[in-house]
């Protein structure tokens, strides 16, 4: 992967969540990537948070390796940036990762959308 990427990460949490809400906890590879939280939904049965922004090549490569992006489970999508640009990219949903602490996970699933910029 040779270019910077625009990345959107949406995390859906278990109700009554008490930990695991930071992007650093969910994706430590993106701790210093500069993603911005663009949406937070606290009410209802499925609270969620969404982060988005440009991730430079080295950080994205670490993230893609750690999350095993680049596989057959990716679906083509149009990724819409904060500026409203529509870029061809892919979406990958993960629901089997180990985000556990104390025998339980606060996360139902994570959706990652990626476009080359």
PDB file of N, CA and C in Angstrom:
ATOM      1  N   UNK A   1       0.853  -1.164   0.000  1.00  0.00           N
ATOM      2  CA  UNK A   1       0.000   0.000   0.000  1.00  0.00           C
ATOM      3  C   UNK A   1       0.898   1.226   0.000  1.00  0.00           C
ATOM      4  N   UNK A   2       0.778   2.027  -1.022  1.00  0.00           N
ATOM      5  CA  UNK A   2       1.786   3.055  -1.229  1.00  0.00           C
ATOM      6  C   UNK A   2       1.303   4.477  -1.035  1.00  0.00           C
ATOM      7  N   UNK A   3       0.048   4.721  -0.743  1.00  0.00           N
ATOM      8  CA  UNK A   3      -0.460   6.084  -0.612  1.00  0.00           C
ATOM      9  C   UNK A   3      -1.099   6.292   0.755  1.00  0.00           C
ATOM     10  N   UNK A   4      -1.315   7.577   1.087  1.00  0.00           N
ATOM     11  CA  UNK A   4      -2.092   7.895   2.276  1.00  0.00           C
ATOM     12  C   UNK A   4      -3.527   7.438   2.043  1.00  0.00           C
ATOM     13  N   UNK A   5      -4.254   7.239   3.129  1.00  0.00           N
ATOM     14  CA  UNK A   5      -5.630   6.755   3.038  1.00  0.00           C
ATOM     15  C   UNK A   5      -6.557   7.655   3.841  1.00  0.00           C
ATOM     16  N   UNK A   6      -7.794   7.741   3.391  1.00  0.00           N
ATOM     17  CA  UNK A   6      -8.850   8.358   4.174  1.00  0.00           C
ATOM     18  C   UNK A   6      -9.553   7.202   4.873  1.00  0.00           C
ATOM     19  N   UNK A   7      -9.635   7.259   6.196  1.00  0.00           N
ATOM     20  CA  UNK A   7     -10.160   6.149   6.981  1.00  0.00           C
ATOM     21  C   UNK A   7     -11.335   6.630   7.823  1.00  0.00           C
ATOM     22  N   UNK A   8     -12.395   5.823   7.832  1.00  0.00           N
ATOM     23  CA  UNK A   8     -13.540   6.044   8.703  1.00  0.00           C
ATOM     24  C   UNK A   8     -13.694   4.781   9.546  1.00  0.00           C
ATOM     25  N   UNK A   9     -13.720   4.945  10.861  1.00  0.00           N
ATOM     26  CA  UNK A   9     -13.899   3.813  11.769  1.00  0.00           C
ATOM     27  C   UNK A   9     -15.155   4.071  12.588  1.00  0.00           C
ATOM     28  N   UNK A  10     -16.125   3.168  12.469  1.00  0.00           N
ATOM     29  CA  UNK A  10     -17.345   3.247  13.260  1.00  0.00           C
ATOM     30  C   UNK A  10     -17.369   2.069  14.217  1.00  0.00           C
ATOM     31  N   UNK A  11     -17.520   2.375  15.496  1.00  0.00           N
ATOM     32  CA  UNK A  11     -17.523   1.353  16.535  1.00  0.00           C
ATOM     33  C   UNK A  11     -18.909   1.335  17.179  1.00  0.00           C
ATOM     34  N   UNK A  12     -19.531   0.158  17.206  1.00  0.00           N
ATOM     35  CA  UNK A  12     -20.824  -0.010  17.856  1.00  0.00           C
ATOM     36  C   UNK A  12     -20.571  -0.749  19.166  1.00  0.00           C
ATOM     37  N   UNK A  13     -21.055  -0.159  20.255  1.00  0.00           N
ATOM     38  CA  UNK A  13     -20.793  -0.654  21.605  1.00  0.00           C
ATOM     39  C   UNK A  13     -22.000  -1.380  22.198  1.00  0.00           C
ATOM     40  N   UNK A  14     -21.694  -2.193  23.186  1.00  0.00           N
ATOM     41  CA  UNK A  14     -22.752  -2.794  23.994  1.00  0.00           C
ATOM     42  C   UNK A  14     -23.422  -1.679  24.803  1.00  0.00           C
ATOM     43  N   UNK A  15     -24.731  -1.819  25.073  1.00  0.00           N
ATOM     44  CA  UNK A  15     -25.381  -0.831  25.946  1.00  0.00           C
ATOM     45  C   UNK A  15     -24.733  -0.866  27.334  1.00  0.00           C
ATOM     46  N   UNK A  16     -24.825   0.215  28.051  1.00  0.00           N
ATOM     47  CA  UNK A  16     -24.295   0.342  29.410  1.00  0.00           C
ATOM     48  C   UNK A  16     -22.777   0.154  29.464  1.00  0.00           C
ATOM     49  N   UNK A  17     -22.121   0.531  28.419  1.00  0.00           N
ATOM     50  CA  UNK A  17     -20.669   0.439  28.315  1.00  0.00           C
ATOM     51  C   UNK A  17     -20.002   1.310  29.368  1.00  0.00           C
ATOM     52  N   UNK A  18     -18.939   0.774  29.978  1.00  0.00           N
ATOM     53  CA  UNK A  18     -18.209   1.553  30.981  1.00  0.00           C
ATOM     54  C   UNK A  18     -16.746   1.742  30.638  1.00  0.00           C
ATOM     55  N   UNK A  19     -16.229   1.118  29.579  1.00  0.00           N
ATOM     56  CA  UNK A  19     -14.831   1.267  29.204  1.00  0.00           C
ATOM     57  C   UNK A  19     -14.691   0.990  27.709  1.00  0.00           C
ATOM     58  N   UNK A  20     -13.506   1.233  27.161  1.00  0.00           N
ATOM     59  CA  UNK A  20     -13.204   0.885  25.779  1.00  0.00           C
ATOM     60  C   UNK A  20     -13.742   1.838  24.738  1.00  0.00           C
ATOM     61  N   UNK A  21     -13.954   3.102  25.100  1.00  0.00           N
ATOM     62  CA  UNK A  21     -14.547   4.045  24.150  1.00  0.00           C
ATOM     63  C   UNK A  21     -13.526   4.862  23.373  1.00  0.00           C
ATOM     64  N   UNK A  22     -12.269   4.819  23.749  1.00  0.00           N
ATOM     65  CA  UNK A  22     -11.283   5.650  23.056  1.00  0.00           C
ATOM     66  C   UNK A  22     -10.753   4.948  21.807  1.00  0.00           C
ATOM     67  N   UNK A  23     -10.420   5.733  20.809  1.00  0.00           N
ATOM     68  CA  UNK A  23      -9.841   5.173  19.593  1.00  0.00           C
ATOM     69  C   UNK A  23      -8.500   4.511  19.904  1.00  0.00           C
ATOM     70  N   UNK A  24      -7.754   5.079  20.830  1.00  0.00           N
ATOM     71  CA  UNK A  24      -6.466   4.509  21.209  1.00  0.00           C
ATOM     72  C   UNK A  24      -6.629   3.097  21.773  1.00  0.00           C
ATOM     73  N   UNK A  25      -7.686   2.843  22.531  1.00  0.00           N
ATOM     74  CA  UNK A  25      -7.925   1.516  23.091  1.00  0.00           C
ATOM     75  C   UNK A  25      -8.334   0.539  21.992  1.00  0.00           C
ATOM     76  N   UNK A  26      -9.144   1.013  21.043  1.00  0.00           N
ATOM     77  CA  UNK A  26      -9.664   0.153  19.979  1.00  0.00           C
ATOM     78  C   UNK A  26      -8.604  -0.118  18.906  1.00  0.00           C
ATOM     79  N   UNK A  27      -7.900   0.926  18.484  1.00  0.00           N
ATOM     80  CA  UNK A  27      -6.904   0.813  17.406  1.00  0.00           C
ATOM     81  C   UNK A  27      -5.639   1.563  17.810  1.00  0.00           C
ATOM     82  N   UNK A  28      -4.819   0.966  18.680  1.00  0.00           N
ATOM     83  CA  UNK A  28      -3.618   1.679  19.132  1.00  0.00           C
ATOM     84  C   UNK A  28      -2.676   2.069  18.002  1.00  0.00           C
ATOM     85  N   UNK A  29      -2.755   1.382  16.866  1.00  0.00           N
ATOM     86  CA  UNK A  29      -1.919   1.716  15.704  1.00  0.00           C
ATOM     87  C   UNK A  29      -2.248   3.100  15.157  1.00  0.00           C
ATOM     88  N   UNK A  30      -3.440   3.602  15.470  1.00  0.00           N
ATOM     89  CA  UNK A  30      -3.877   4.910  14.958  1.00  0.00           C
ATOM     90  C   UNK A  30      -3.854   5.996  16.031  1.00  0.00           C
ATOM     91  N   UNK A  31      -3.211   5.702  17.157  1.00  0.00           N
ATOM     92  CA  UNK A  31      -3.172   6.629  18.295  1.00  0.00           C
ATOM     93  C   UNK A  31      -2.735   8.029  17.875  1.00  0.00           C
ATOM     94  N   UNK A  32      -1.704   8.131  17.046  1.00  0.00           N
ATOM     95  CA  UNK A  32      -1.170   9.431  16.650  1.00  0.00           C
ATOM     96  C   UNK A  32      -1.535   9.814  15.215  1.00  0.00           C
ATOM     97  N   UNK A  33      -2.522   9.154  14.640  1.00  0.00           N
ATOM     98  CA  UNK A  33      -2.873   9.392  13.236  1.00  0.00           C
ATOM     99  C   UNK A  33      -3.666  10.675  13.026  1.00  0.00           C
ATOM    100  N   UNK A  34      -4.244  11.227  14.073  1.00  0.00           N
ATOM    101  CA  UNK A  34      -4.970  12.484  13.937  1.00  0.00           C
ATOM    102  C   UNK A  34      -6.411  12.337  13.480  1.00  0.00           C
ATOM    103  N   UNK A  35      -7.003  11.151  13.646  1.00  0.00           N
ATOM    104  CA  UNK A  35      -8.414  11.000  13.298  1.00  0.00           C
ATOM    105  C   UNK A  35      -9.267  11.824  14.258  1.00  0.00           C
ATOM    106  N   UNK A  36     -10.366  12.338  13.751  1.00  0.00           N
ATOM    107  CA  UNK A  36     -11.281  13.166  14.526  1.00  0.00           C
ATOM    108  C   UNK A  36     -12.578  12.418  14.752  1.00  0.00           C
ATOM    109  N   UNK A  37     -13.120  12.498  15.981  1.00  0.00           N
ATOM    110  CA  UNK A  37     -14.429  11.904  16.213  1.00  0.00           C
ATOM    111  C   UNK A  37     -15.456  12.791  15.500  1.00  0.00           C
ATOM    112  N   UNK A  38     -16.215  12.192  14.577  1.00  0.00           N
ATOM    113  CA  UNK A  38     -17.173  12.957  13.783  1.00  0.00           C
ATOM    114  C   UNK A  38     -18.617  12.674  14.173  1.00  0.00           C
ATOM    115  N   UNK A  39     -18.823  11.625  14.978  1.00  0.00           N
ATOM    116  CA  UNK A  39     -20.188  11.311  15.402  1.00  0.00           C
ATOM    117  C   UNK A  39     -20.141  10.485  16.679  1.00  0.00           C
ATOM    118  N   UNK A  40     -21.066  10.788  17.581  1.00  0.00           N
ATOM    119  CA  UNK A  40     -21.215  10.008  18.799  1.00  0.00           C
ATOM    120  C   UNK A  40     -22.701   9.852  19.081  1.00  0.00           C
ATOM    121  N   UNK A  41     -23.165   8.613  19.109  1.00  0.00           N
ATOM    122  CA  UNK A  41     -24.564   8.313  19.397  1.00  0.00           C
ATOM    123  C   UNK A  41     -24.611   7.554  20.711  1.00  0.00           C
ATOM    124  N   UNK A  42     -25.142   8.185  21.754  1.00  0.00           N
ATOM    125  CA  UNK A  42     -25.152   7.565  23.073  1.00  0.00           C
ATOM    126  C   UNK A  42     -26.462   6.892  23.418  1.00  0.00           C
ATOM    127  N   UNK A  43     -27.553   7.323  22.825  1.00  0.00           N
ATOM    128  CA  UNK A  43     -28.852   6.772  23.168  1.00  0.00           C
ATOM    129  C   UNK A  43     -29.177   5.507  22.392  1.00  0.00           C
ATOM    130  N   UNK A  44     -30.217   4.837  22.798  1.00  0.00           N
ATOM    131  CA  UNK A  44     -30.680   3.666  22.067  1.00  0.00           C
ATOM    132  C   UNK A  44     -29.945   2.398  22.436  1.00  0.00           C
ATOM    133  N   UNK A  45     -30.330   1.322  21.781  1.00  0.00           N
ATOM    134  CA  UNK A  45     -29.754   0.013  22.125  1.00  0.00           C
ATOM    135  C   UNK A  45     -28.347  -0.209  21.580  1.00  0.00           C
ATOM    136  N   UNK A  46     -27.890   0.617  20.649  1.00  0.00           N
ATOM    137  CA  UNK A  46     -26.564   0.431  20.039  1.00  0.00           C
ATOM    138  C   UNK A  46     -25.789   1.737  19.996  1.00  0.00           C
ATOM    139  N   UNK A  47     -25.206   2.152  21.123  1.00  0.00           N
ATOM    140  CA  UNK A  47     -24.399   3.377  21.086  1.00  0.00           C
ATOM    141  C   UNK A  47     -23.200   3.182  20.159  1.00  0.00           C
ATOM    142  N   UNK A  48     -22.739   4.278  19.548  1.00  0.00           N
ATOM    143  CA  UNK A  48     -21.608   4.166  18.617  1.00  0.00           C
ATOM    144  C   UNK A  48     -20.800   5.454  18.600  1.00  0.00           C
ATOM    145  N   UNK A  49     -19.590   5.313  18.076  1.00  0.00           N
ATOM    146  CA  UNK A  49     -18.708   6.450  17.813  1.00  0.00           C
ATOM    147  C   UNK A  49     -18.084   6.246  16.443  1.00  0.00           C
ATOM    148  N   UNK A  50     -17.875   7.366  15.734  1.00  0.00           N
ATOM    149  CA  UNK A  50     -17.225   7.319  14.420  1.00  0.00           C
ATOM    150  C   UNK A  50     -16.085   8.320  14.392  1.00  0.00           C
ATOM    151  N   UNK A  51     -14.926   7.850  13.929  1.00  0.00           N
ATOM    152  CA  UNK A  51     -13.750   8.684  13.731  1.00  0.00           C
ATOM    153  C   UNK A  51     -13.422   8.692  12.251  1.00  0.00           C
ATOM    154  N   UNK A  52     -12.871   9.806  11.747  1.00  0.00           N
ATOM    155  CA  UNK A  52     -12.518   9.888  10.327  1.00  0.00           C
ATOM    156  C   UNK A  52     -11.339  10.822  10.135  1.00  0.00           C
ATOM    157  N   UNK A  53     -10.611  10.594   9.043  1.00  0.00           N
ATOM    158  CA  UNK A  53      -9.525  11.485   8.680  1.00  0.00           C
ATOM    159  C   UNK A  53      -8.478  10.799   7.823  1.00  0.00           C
ATOM    160  N   UNK A  54      -7.478  11.573   7.451  1.00  0.00           N
ATOM    161  CA  UNK A  54      -6.380  11.087   6.626  1.00  0.00           C
ATOM    162  C   UNK A  54      -5.369  10.378   7.525  1.00  0.00           C
ATOM    163  N   UNK A  55      -4.966   9.198   7.086  1.00  0.00           N
ATOM    164  CA  UNK A  55      -3.937   8.430   7.793  1.00  0.00           C
ATOM    165  C   UNK A  55      -2.764   8.283   6.832  1.00  0.00           C
ATOM    166  N   UNK A  56      -1.601   8.743   7.274  1.00  0.00           N
ATOM    167  CA  UNK A  56      -0.407   8.668   6.424  1.00  0.00           C
ATOM    168  C   UNK A  56       0.052   7.231   6.266  1.00  0.00           C
ATOM    169  N   UNK A  57       0.711   6.983   5.164  1.00  0.00           N
ATOM    170  CA  UNK A  57       1.093   5.639   4.738  1.00  0.00           C
ATOM    171  C   UNK A  57       1.709   4.780   5.841  1.00  0.00           C
ATOM    172  N   UNK A  58       2.731   5.231   6.573  1.00  0.00           N
ATOM    173  CA  UNK A  58       3.340   4.336   7.574  1.00  0.00           C
ATOM    174  C   UNK A  58       2.351   3.889   8.654  1.00  0.00           C
ATOM    175  N   UNK A  59       1.554   4.820   9.163  1.00  0.00           N
ATOM    176  CA  UNK A  59       0.569   4.464  10.190  1.00  0.00           C
ATOM    177  C   UNK A  59      -0.502   3.558   9.604  1.00  0.00           C
ATOM    178  N   UNK A  60      -0.944   3.849   8.377  1.00  0.00           N
ATOM    179  CA  UNK A  60      -1.961   2.997   7.767  1.00  0.00           C
ATOM    180  C   UNK A  60      -1.429   1.585   7.553  1.00  0.00           C
ATOM    181  N   UNK A  61      -0.185   1.470   7.113  1.00  0.00           N
ATOM    182  CA  UNK A  61       0.389   0.138   6.892  1.00  0.00           C
ATOM    183  C   UNK A  61       0.436  -0.670   8.185  1.00  0.00           C
ATOM    184  N   UNK A  62       0.805  -0.033   9.306  1.00  0.00           N
ATOM    185  CA  UNK A  62       0.799  -0.730  10.599  1.00  0.00           C
ATOM    186  C   UNK A  62      -0.616  -1.167  10.963  1.00  0.00           C
ATOM    187  N   UNK A  63      -1.573  -0.260  10.769  1.00  0.00           N
ATOM    188  CA  UNK A  63      -2.973  -0.552  11.062  1.00  0.00           C
ATOM    189  C   UNK A  63      -3.486  -1.689  10.174  1.00  0.00           C
ATOM    190  N   UNK A  64      -3.233  -1.621   8.874  1.00  0.00           N
ATOM    191  CA  UNK A  64      -3.701  -2.651   7.936  1.00  0.00           C
ATOM    192  C   UNK A  64      -3.106  -4.013   8.270  1.00  0.00           C
ATOM    193  N   UNK A  65      -1.844  -4.044   8.649  1.00  0.00           N
ATOM    194  CA  UNK A  65      -1.221  -5.319   9.038  1.00  0.00           C
ATOM    195  C   UNK A  65      -1.853  -5.868  10.306  1.00  0.00           C
ATOM    196  N   UNK A  66      -2.015  -5.023  11.324  1.00  0.00           N
ATOM    197  CA  UNK A  66      -2.568  -5.468  12.598  1.00  0.00           C
ATOM    198  C   UNK A  66      -4.016  -5.942  12.457  1.00  0.00           C
ATOM    199  N   UNK A  67      -4.774  -5.289  11.600  1.00  0.00           N
ATOM    200  CA  UNK A  67      -6.190  -5.616  11.445  1.00  0.00           C
ATOM    201  C   UNK A  67      -6.438  -6.569  10.276  1.00  0.00           C
ATOM    202  N   UNK A  68      -5.374  -6.990   9.612  1.00  0.00           N
ATOM    203  CA  UNK A  68      -5.445  -7.928   8.494  1.00  0.00           C
ATOM    204  C   UNK A  68      -6.373  -7.433   7.384  1.00  0.00           C
ATOM    205  N   UNK A  69      -6.239  -6.150   7.067  1.00  0.00           N
ATOM    206  CA  UNK A  69      -7.012  -5.594   5.955  1.00  0.00           C
ATOM    207  C   UNK A  69      -6.376  -6.054   4.653  1.00  0.00           C
ATOM    208  N   UNK A  70      -7.156  -6.084   3.590  1.00  0.00           N
ATOM    209  CA  UNK A  70      -6.645  -6.509   2.294  1.00  0.00           C
ATOM    210  C   UNK A  70      -7.129  -7.891   1.917  1.00  0.00           C
ATOM    211  N   UNK A  71      -8.140  -8.386   2.612  1.00  0.00           N
ATOM    212  CA  UNK A  71      -8.632  -9.735   2.350  1.00  0.00           C
ATOM    213  C   UNK A  71      -9.906  -9.766   1.542  1.00  0.00           C
ATOM    214  N   UNK A  72     -10.406 -10.957   1.344  1.00  0.00           N
ATOM    215  CA  UNK A  72     -11.588 -11.195   0.515  1.00  0.00           C
ATOM    216  C   UNK A  72     -12.865 -10.653   1.136  1.00  0.00           C
ATOM    217  N   UNK A  73     -12.864 -10.375   2.441  1.00  0.00           N
ATOM    218  CA  UNK A  73     -14.090  -9.914   3.106  1.00  0.00           C
ATOM    219  C   UNK A  73     -14.387  -8.443   2.835  1.00  0.00           C
ATOM    220  N   UNK A  74     -13.510  -7.751   2.137  1.00  0.00           N
ATOM    221  CA  UNK A  74     -13.729  -6.338   1.864  1.00  0.00           C
ATOM    222  C   UNK A  74     -14.776  -6.143   0.780  1.00  0.00           C
ATOM    223  N   UNK A  75     -15.610  -5.123   0.984  1.00  0.00           N
ATOM    224  CA  UNK A  75     -16.673  -4.811   0.027  1.00  0.00           C
ATOM    225  C   UNK A  75     -16.383  -3.447  -0.596  1.00  0.00           C
ATOM    226  N   UNK A  76     -16.510  -3.309  -1.920  1.00  0.00           N
ATOM    227  CA  UNK A  76     -16.302  -1.995  -2.545  1.00  0.00           C
ATOM    228  C   UNK A  76     -17.384  -1.012  -2.106  1.00  0.00           C
ATOM    229  N   UNK A  77     -16.979   0.211  -1.793  1.00  0.00           N
ATOM    230  CA  UNK A  77     -17.908   1.263  -1.386  1.00  0.00           C
ATOM    231  C   UNK A  77     -17.390   2.609  -1.879  1.00  0.00           C
ATOM    232  N   UNK A  78     -18.245   3.620  -1.828  1.00  0.00           N
ATOM    233  CA  UNK A  78     -17.808   5.003  -1.998  1.00  0.00           C
ATOM    234  C   UNK A  78     -17.643   5.577  -0.596  1.00  0.00           C
ATOM    235  N   UNK A  79     -16.441   6.025  -0.298  1.00  0.00           N
ATOM    236  CA  UNK A  79     -16.140   6.601   1.000  1.00  0.00           C
ATOM    237  C   UNK A  79     -16.359   8.101   0.894  1.00  0.00           C
ATOM    238  N   UNK A  80     -17.190   8.649   1.783  1.00  0.00           N
ATOM    239  CA  UNK A  80     -17.495  10.075   1.759  1.00  0.00           C
ATOM    240  C   UNK A  80     -16.654  10.759   2.827  1.00  0.00           C
ATOM    241  N   UNK A  81     -15.797  11.687   2.406  1.00  0.00           N
ATOM    242  CA  UNK A  81     -14.911  12.394   3.332  1.00  0.00           C
ATOM    243  C   UNK A  81     -15.687  13.480   4.083  1.00  0.00           C
ATOM    244  N   UNK A  82     -15.040  14.066   5.100  1.00  0.00           N
ATOM    245  CA  UNK A  82     -15.653  15.168   5.845  1.00  0.00           C
ATOM    246  C   UNK A  82     -15.968  16.356   4.947  1.00  0.00           C
ATOM    247  N   UNK A  83     -15.234  16.489   3.831  1.00  0.00           N
ATOM    248  CA  UNK A  83     -15.459  17.591   2.894  1.00  0.00           C
ATOM    249  C   UNK A  83     -16.510  17.257   1.845  1.00  0.00           C
ATOM    250  N   UNK A  84     -17.086  16.056   1.908  1.00  0.00           N
ATOM    251  CA  UNK A  84     -18.123  15.656   0.971  1.00  0.00           C
ATOM    252  C   UNK A  84     -17.621  14.987  -0.296  1.00  0.00           C
ATOM    253  N   UNK A  85     -16.311  14.798  -0.432  1.00  0.00           N
ATOM    254  CA  UNK A  85     -15.777  14.084  -1.602  1.00  0.00           C
ATOM    255  C   UNK A  85     -16.157  12.614  -1.507  1.00  0.00           C
ATOM    256  N   UNK A  86     -16.454  12.027  -2.653  1.00  0.00           N
ATOM    257  CA  UNK A  86     -16.745  10.600  -2.730  1.00  0.00           C
ATOM    258  C   UNK A  86     -15.577   9.907  -3.412  1.00  0.00           C
ATOM    259  N   UNK A  87     -14.948   8.987  -2.688  1.00  0.00           N
ATOM    260  CA  UNK A  87     -13.776   8.292  -3.199  1.00  0.00           C
ATOM    261  C   UNK A  87     -14.051   6.789  -3.238  1.00  0.00           C
ATOM    262  N   UNK A  88     -13.628   6.101  -4.297  1.00  0.00           N
ATOM    263  CA  UNK A  88     -13.787   4.646  -4.316  1.00  0.00           C
ATOM    264  C   UNK A  88     -12.899   4.027  -3.248  1.00  0.00           C
ATOM    265  N   UNK A  89     -13.440   3.049  -2.565  1.00  0.00           N
ATOM    266  CA  UNK A  89     -12.673   2.399  -1.511  1.00  0.00           C
ATOM    267  C   UNK A  89     -13.285   1.069  -1.145  1.00  0.00           C
ATOM    268  N   UNK A  90     -13.020   0.639   0.085  1.00  0.00           N
ATOM    269  CA  UNK A  90     -13.583  -0.620   0.553  1.00  0.00           C
ATOM    270  C   UNK A  90     -14.048  -0.475   1.989  1.00  0.00           C
ATOM    271  N   UNK A  91     -14.924  -1.391   2.368  1.00  0.00           N
ATOM    272  CA  UNK A  91     -15.450  -1.465   3.720  1.00  0.00           C
ATOM    273  C   UNK A  91     -15.165  -2.859   4.263  1.00  0.00           C
ATOM    274  N   UNK A  92     -14.836  -2.920   5.541  1.00  0.00           N
ATOM    275  CA  UNK A  92     -14.561  -4.201   6.193  1.00  0.00           C
ATOM    276  C   UNK A  92     -15.167  -4.140   7.592  1.00  0.00           C
ATOM    277  N   UNK A  93     -15.984  -5.111   7.934  1.00  0.00           N
ATOM    278  CA  UNK A  93     -16.608  -5.160   9.252  1.00  0.00           C
ATOM    279  C   UNK A  93     -15.972  -6.287  10.053  1.00  0.00           C
ATOM    280  N   UNK A  94     -15.614  -5.967  11.287  1.00  0.00           N
ATOM    281  CA  UNK A  94     -14.960  -6.934  12.165  1.00  0.00           C
ATOM    282  C   UNK A  94     -15.816  -7.115  13.417  1.00  0.00           C
ATOM    283  N   UNK A  95     -16.135  -8.355  13.721  1.00  0.00           N
ATOM    284  CA  UNK A  95     -16.900  -8.596  14.939  1.00  0.00           C
ATOM    285  C   UNK A  95     -16.305  -9.715  15.778  1.00  0.00           C
ATOM    286  N   UNK A  96     -15.151 -10.203  15.421  1.00  0.00           N
ATOM    287  CA  UNK A  96     -14.563 -11.290  16.178  1.00  0.00           C
ATOM    288  C   UNK A  96     -13.226 -10.953  16.789  1.00  0.00           C
ATOM    289  N   UNK A  97     -12.873  -9.668  16.832  1.00  0.00           N
ATOM    290  CA  UNK A  97     -11.570  -9.305  17.390  1.00  0.00           C
ATOM    291  C   UNK A  97     -11.624  -9.349  18.909  1.00  0.00           C
ATOM    292  N   UNK A  98     -10.477  -9.469  19.515  1.00  0.00           N
ATOM    293  CA  UNK A  98     -10.383  -9.602  20.960  1.00  0.00           C
ATOM    294  C   UNK A  98     -10.233  -8.231  21.610  1.00  0.00           C
ATOM    295  N   UNK A  99     -11.349  -7.601  21.932  1.00  0.00           N
ATOM    296  CA  UNK A  99     -11.347  -6.341  22.652  1.00  0.00           C
ATOM    297  C   UNK A  99     -11.768  -6.575  24.094  1.00  0.00           C
ATOM    298  N   UNK A 100     -11.559  -7.771  24.599  1.00  0.00           N
ATOM    299  CA  UNK A 100     -12.040  -8.126  25.922  1.00  0.00           C
ATOM    300  C   UNK A 100     -11.184  -7.531  27.027  1.00  0.00           C
ATOM    301  N   UNK A 101     -11.856  -7.275  28.129  1.00  0.00           N
ATOM    302  CA  UNK A 101     -11.212  -6.878  29.376  1.00  0.00           C
ATOM    303  C   UNK A 101     -12.104  -7.417  30.487  1.00  0.00           C
ATOM    304  N   UNK A 102     -11.555  -8.202  31.364  1.00  0.00           N
ATOM    305  CA  UNK A 102     -12.355  -8.767  32.441  1.00  0.00           C
ATOM    306  C   UNK A 102     -13.353  -9.795  31.960  1.00  0.00           C
ATOM    307  N   UNK A 103     -13.080 -10.470  30.842  1.00  0.00           N
ATOM    308  CA  UNK A 103     -13.961 -11.524  30.350  1.00  0.00           C
ATOM    309  C   UNK A 103     -15.128 -11.060  29.506  1.00  0.00           C
ATOM    310  N   UNK A 104     -15.220  -9.761  29.239  1.00  0.00           N
ATOM    311  CA  UNK A 104     -16.316  -9.250  28.416  1.00  0.00           C
ATOM    312  C   UNK A 104     -15.771  -8.189  27.472  1.00  0.00           C
ATOM    313  N   UNK A 105     -16.453  -8.013  26.348  1.00  0.00           N
ATOM    314  CA  UNK A 105     -16.059  -6.993  25.387  1.00  0.00           C
ATOM    315  C   UNK A 105     -17.123  -5.912  25.322  1.00  0.00           C
ATOM    316  N   UNK A 106     -16.699  -4.649  25.328  1.00  0.00           N
ATOM    317  CA  UNK A 106     -17.671  -3.571  25.213  1.00  0.00           C
ATOM    318  C   UNK A 106     -18.103  -3.326  23.771  1.00  0.00           C
ATOM    319  N   UNK A 107     -17.472  -4.012  22.811  1.00  0.00           N
ATOM    320  CA  UNK A 107     -17.683  -3.715  21.396  1.00  0.00           C
ATOM    321  C   UNK A 107     -18.487  -4.814  20.716  1.00  0.00           C
ATOM    322  N   UNK A 108     -19.534  -4.420  19.993  1.00  0.00           N
ATOM    323  CA  UNK A 108     -20.335  -5.355  19.207  1.00  0.00           C
ATOM    324  C   UNK A 108     -19.630  -5.615  17.883  1.00  0.00           C
ATOM    325  N   UNK A 109     -19.294  -4.531  17.159  1.00  0.00           N
ATOM    326  CA  UNK A 109     -18.540  -4.673  15.911  1.00  0.00           C
ATOM    327  C   UNK A 109     -17.910  -3.336  15.543  1.00  0.00           C
ATOM    328  N   UNK A 110     -16.959  -3.409  14.618  1.00  0.00           N
ATOM    329  CA  UNK A 110     -16.287  -2.222  14.087  1.00  0.00           C
ATOM    330  C   UNK A 110     -16.367  -2.283  12.569  1.00  0.00           C
ATOM    331  N   UNK A 111     -16.734  -1.175  11.950  1.00  0.00           N
ATOM    332  CA  UNK A 111     -16.733  -1.060  10.493  1.00  0.00           C
ATOM    333  C   UNK A 111     -15.627  -0.078  10.107  1.00  0.00           C
ATOM    334  N   UNK A 112     -14.747  -0.524   9.210  1.00  0.00           N
ATOM    335  CA  UNK A 112     -13.647   0.304   8.720  1.00  0.00           C
ATOM    336  C   UNK A 112     -13.880   0.567   7.237  1.00  0.00           C
ATOM    337  N   UNK A 113     -13.886   1.851   6.854  1.00  0.00           N
ATOM    338  CA  UNK A 113     -13.965   2.228   5.452  1.00  0.00           C
ATOM    339  C   UNK A 113     -12.660   2.917   5.079  1.00  0.00           C
ATOM    340  N   UNK A 114     -12.108   2.552   3.929  1.00  0.00           N
ATOM    341  CA  UNK A 114     -10.799   3.058   3.522  1.00  0.00           C
ATOM    342  C   UNK A 114     -10.836   3.452   2.057  1.00  0.00           C
ATOM    343  N   UNK A 115     -10.257   4.615   1.750  1.00  0.00           N
ATOM    344  CA  UNK A 115     -10.095   5.050   0.363  1.00  0.00           C
ATOM    345  C   UNK A 115      -8.695   5.605   0.188  1.00  0.00           C
ATOM    346  N   UNK A 116      -8.105   5.342  -0.948  1.00  0.00           N
ATOM    347  CA  UNK A 116      -6.793   5.907  -1.287  1.00  0.00           C
ATOM    348  C   UNK A 116      -6.989   7.349  -1.694  1.00  0.00           C
ATOM    349  N   UNK A 117      -6.116   8.231  -1.193  1.00  0.00           N
ATOM    350  CA  UNK A 117      -6.214   9.652  -1.580  1.00  0.00           C
ATOM    351  C   UNK A 117      -4.940  10.084  -2.280  1.00  0.00           C
TER     352      UNK A 117
END
